[in-house]
Amino acid sequence: MEFSEEKRRIPELASIPVVVVTAAGGEVRRRGDSIPAIAYIEKPFDIDRLLATVQEACA
């Protein structure tokens, strides 16, 4: 959560997309307002899905 606060505060970081990889599952999604992300990927994750998500975010 500290990261997202800093990300919002620093203009150069504000436009960088965030992908959350978590073992907490739905708990993190429920707190989604405090961790704004373009995707939430739960562990264990599929590497192809992770790479596709990151590739999409960088496009």
N, C-alpha and C. Protein backbone atom coordinates (compact mmCIF):
# COMPACT_ATOMS: atom_id res chain seq x y z
N MET A 1 0.81 -1.18 0.00
CA MET A 1 0.00 0.00 0.00
C MET A 1 0.86 1.26 0.00
N GLU A 2 2.02 1.18 0.62
CA GLU A 2 2.91 2.33 0.60
C GLU A 2 3.31 2.67 -0.83
N PHE A 3 3.52 1.63 -1.63
CA PHE A 3 3.90 1.85 -3.02
C PHE A 3 2.81 2.63 -3.76
N SER A 4 1.56 2.23 -3.58
CA SER A 4 0.50 2.93 -4.31
C SER A 4 0.34 4.37 -3.86
N GLU A 5 0.62 4.65 -2.59
CA GLU A 5 0.57 6.03 -2.12
C GLU A 5 1.68 6.86 -2.79
N GLU A 6 2.88 6.29 -2.83
CA GLU A 6 4.00 6.98 -3.49
C GLU A 6 3.74 7.13 -4.98
N LYS A 7 3.19 6.10 -5.58
CA LYS A 7 2.91 6.12 -7.02
C LYS A 7 1.96 7.27 -7.36
N ARG A 8 0.96 7.46 -6.55
CA ARG A 8 0.00 8.56 -6.79
C ARG A 8 0.65 9.93 -6.57
N ARG A 9 1.57 9.99 -5.63
CA ARG A 9 2.18 11.25 -5.24
C ARG A 9 3.22 11.73 -6.26
N ILE A 10 3.89 10.81 -6.94
CA ILE A 10 4.97 11.17 -7.86
C ILE A 10 4.44 11.14 -9.29
N PRO A 11 4.35 12.29 -9.94
CA PRO A 11 3.75 12.36 -11.28
C PRO A 11 4.41 11.43 -12.30
N GLU A 12 5.71 11.24 -12.21
CA GLU A 12 6.41 10.39 -13.17
C GLU A 12 6.01 8.92 -13.04
N LEU A 13 5.52 8.54 -11.89
CA LEU A 13 5.11 7.15 -11.66
C LEU A 13 3.62 6.92 -11.87
N ALA A 14 2.85 7.97 -11.86
CA ALA A 14 1.39 7.85 -11.87
C ALA A 14 0.85 7.07 -13.05
N SER A 15 1.51 7.14 -14.19
CA SER A 15 0.97 6.47 -15.38
C SER A 15 1.49 5.04 -15.56
N ILE A 16 2.35 4.57 -14.66
CA ILE A 16 2.89 3.21 -14.77
C ILE A 16 1.83 2.22 -14.28
N PRO A 17 1.44 1.27 -15.13
CA PRO A 17 0.43 0.29 -14.71
C PRO A 17 0.99 -0.69 -13.68
N VAL A 18 0.11 -1.18 -12.82
CA VAL A 18 0.50 -2.12 -11.77
C VAL A 18 -0.26 -3.43 -11.96
N VAL A 19 0.48 -4.54 -11.87
CA VAL A 19 -0.11 -5.87 -11.86
C VAL A 19 0.22 -6.47 -10.50
N VAL A 20 -0.81 -6.87 -9.77
CA VAL A 20 -0.61 -7.44 -8.44
C VAL A 20 -0.61 -8.96 -8.56
N VAL A 21 0.47 -9.58 -8.08
CA VAL A 21 0.55 -11.04 -7.99
C VAL A 21 0.45 -11.36 -6.51
N THR A 22 -0.56 -12.15 -6.14
CA THR A 22 -0.86 -12.33 -4.73
C THR A 22 -1.23 -13.76 -4.38
N ALA A 23 -0.93 -14.12 -3.16
CA ALA A 23 -1.39 -15.40 -2.62
C ALA A 23 -2.67 -15.17 -1.80
N ALA A 24 -3.02 -13.91 -1.59
CA ALA A 24 -4.17 -13.57 -0.75
C ALA A 24 -5.50 -13.68 -1.48
N GLY A 25 -5.46 -13.77 -2.80
CA GLY A 25 -6.68 -13.96 -3.58
C GLY A 25 -7.69 -12.85 -3.43
N GLY A 26 -8.93 -13.23 -3.12
CA GLY A 26 -10.04 -12.29 -3.06
C GLY A 26 -9.86 -11.19 -2.03
N GLU A 27 -9.09 -11.46 -0.99
CA GLU A 27 -8.85 -10.44 0.04
C GLU A 27 -8.23 -9.19 -0.57
N VAL A 28 -7.28 -9.37 -1.47
CA VAL A 28 -6.62 -8.23 -2.11
C VAL A 28 -7.61 -7.52 -3.03
N ARG A 29 -8.43 -8.26 -3.72
CA ARG A 29 -9.42 -7.64 -4.60
C ARG A 29 -10.41 -6.78 -3.81
N ARG A 30 -10.77 -7.23 -2.62
CA ARG A 30 -11.70 -6.45 -1.79
C ARG A 30 -11.06 -5.14 -1.35
N ARG A 31 -9.73 -5.13 -1.25
CA ARG A 31 -9.02 -3.90 -0.88
C ARG A 31 -8.56 -3.15 -2.12
N GLY A 32 -9.13 -3.45 -3.25
CA GLY A 32 -8.70 -2.91 -4.54
C GLY A 32 -8.63 -1.40 -4.62
N ASP A 33 -9.44 -0.71 -3.84
CA ASP A 33 -9.40 0.75 -3.86
C ASP A 33 -8.06 1.27 -3.37
N SER A 34 -7.44 0.55 -2.45
CA SER A 34 -6.18 1.02 -1.91
C SER A 34 -4.99 0.51 -2.74
N ILE A 35 -5.23 -0.48 -3.59
CA ILE A 35 -4.18 -0.99 -4.47
C ILE A 35 -4.72 -0.95 -5.91
N PRO A 36 -4.68 0.21 -6.53
CA PRO A 36 -5.20 0.29 -7.90
C PRO A 36 -4.29 -0.46 -8.86
N ALA A 37 -4.85 -1.45 -9.53
CA ALA A 37 -4.07 -2.27 -10.44
C ALA A 37 -4.88 -2.58 -11.69
N ILE A 38 -4.17 -2.85 -12.78
CA ILE A 38 -4.86 -3.23 -14.01
C ILE A 38 -5.23 -4.70 -14.00
N ALA A 39 -4.56 -5.48 -13.13
CA ALA A 39 -4.86 -6.91 -13.03
C ALA A 39 -4.43 -7.43 -11.66
N TYR A 40 -5.15 -8.44 -11.20
CA TYR A 40 -4.81 -9.17 -9.98
C TYR A 40 -4.64 -10.62 -10.39
N ILE A 41 -3.44 -11.16 -10.21
CA ILE A 41 -3.17 -12.54 -10.59
C ILE A 41 -2.87 -13.31 -9.31
N GLU A 42 -3.63 -14.40 -9.10
CA GLU A 42 -3.48 -15.18 -7.88
C GLU A 42 -2.47 -16.30 -8.07
N LYS A 43 -1.69 -16.54 -7.01
CA LYS A 43 -0.76 -17.66 -6.99
C LYS A 43 -1.53 -18.94 -6.69
N PRO A 44 -1.15 -20.06 -7.21
CA PRO A 44 -0.11 -20.22 -8.23
C PRO A 44 -0.62 -19.66 -9.55
N PHE A 45 0.23 -19.02 -10.28
CA PHE A 45 -0.21 -18.38 -11.51
C PHE A 45 0.40 -19.07 -12.72
N ASP A 46 -0.28 -18.85 -13.83
CA ASP A 46 0.19 -19.37 -15.11
C ASP A 46 1.15 -18.34 -15.71
N ILE A 47 2.37 -18.75 -15.98
CA ILE A 47 3.38 -17.81 -16.48
C ILE A 47 2.96 -17.16 -17.79
N ASP A 48 2.27 -17.89 -18.64
CA ASP A 48 1.81 -17.31 -19.91
C ASP A 48 0.79 -16.20 -19.67
N ARG A 49 -0.07 -16.40 -18.70
CA ARG A 49 -1.06 -15.36 -18.37
C ARG A 49 -0.35 -14.12 -17.81
N LEU A 50 0.62 -14.34 -16.93
CA LEU A 50 1.37 -13.21 -16.38
C LEU A 50 2.09 -12.44 -17.48
N LEU A 51 2.78 -13.15 -18.34
CA LEU A 51 3.50 -12.48 -19.43
C LEU A 51 2.55 -11.74 -20.36
N ALA A 52 1.41 -12.34 -20.67
CA ALA A 52 0.43 -11.67 -21.54
C ALA A 52 -0.10 -10.41 -20.88
N THR A 53 -0.34 -10.46 -19.58
CA THR A 53 -0.84 -9.29 -18.85
C THR A 53 0.19 -8.17 -18.85
N VAL A 54 1.44 -8.51 -18.60
CA VAL A 54 2.50 -7.51 -18.60
C VAL A 54 2.70 -6.94 -20.00
N GLN A 55 2.67 -7.80 -21.01
CA GLN A 55 2.81 -7.34 -22.39
C GLN A 55 1.68 -6.37 -22.75
N GLU A 56 0.47 -6.71 -22.36
CA GLU A 56 -0.69 -5.85 -22.63
C GLU A 56 -0.54 -4.50 -21.92
N ALA A 57 -0.03 -4.52 -20.70
CA ALA A 57 0.15 -3.29 -19.93
C ALA A 57 1.20 -2.38 -20.56
N CYS A 58 2.17 -2.98 -21.21
CA CYS A 58 3.26 -2.20 -21.80
C CYS A 58 2.94 -1.71 -23.21
N ALA A 59 1.85 -2.17 -23.76
CA ALA A 59 1.48 -1.79 -25.14
C ALA A 59 1.00 -0.36 -25.24
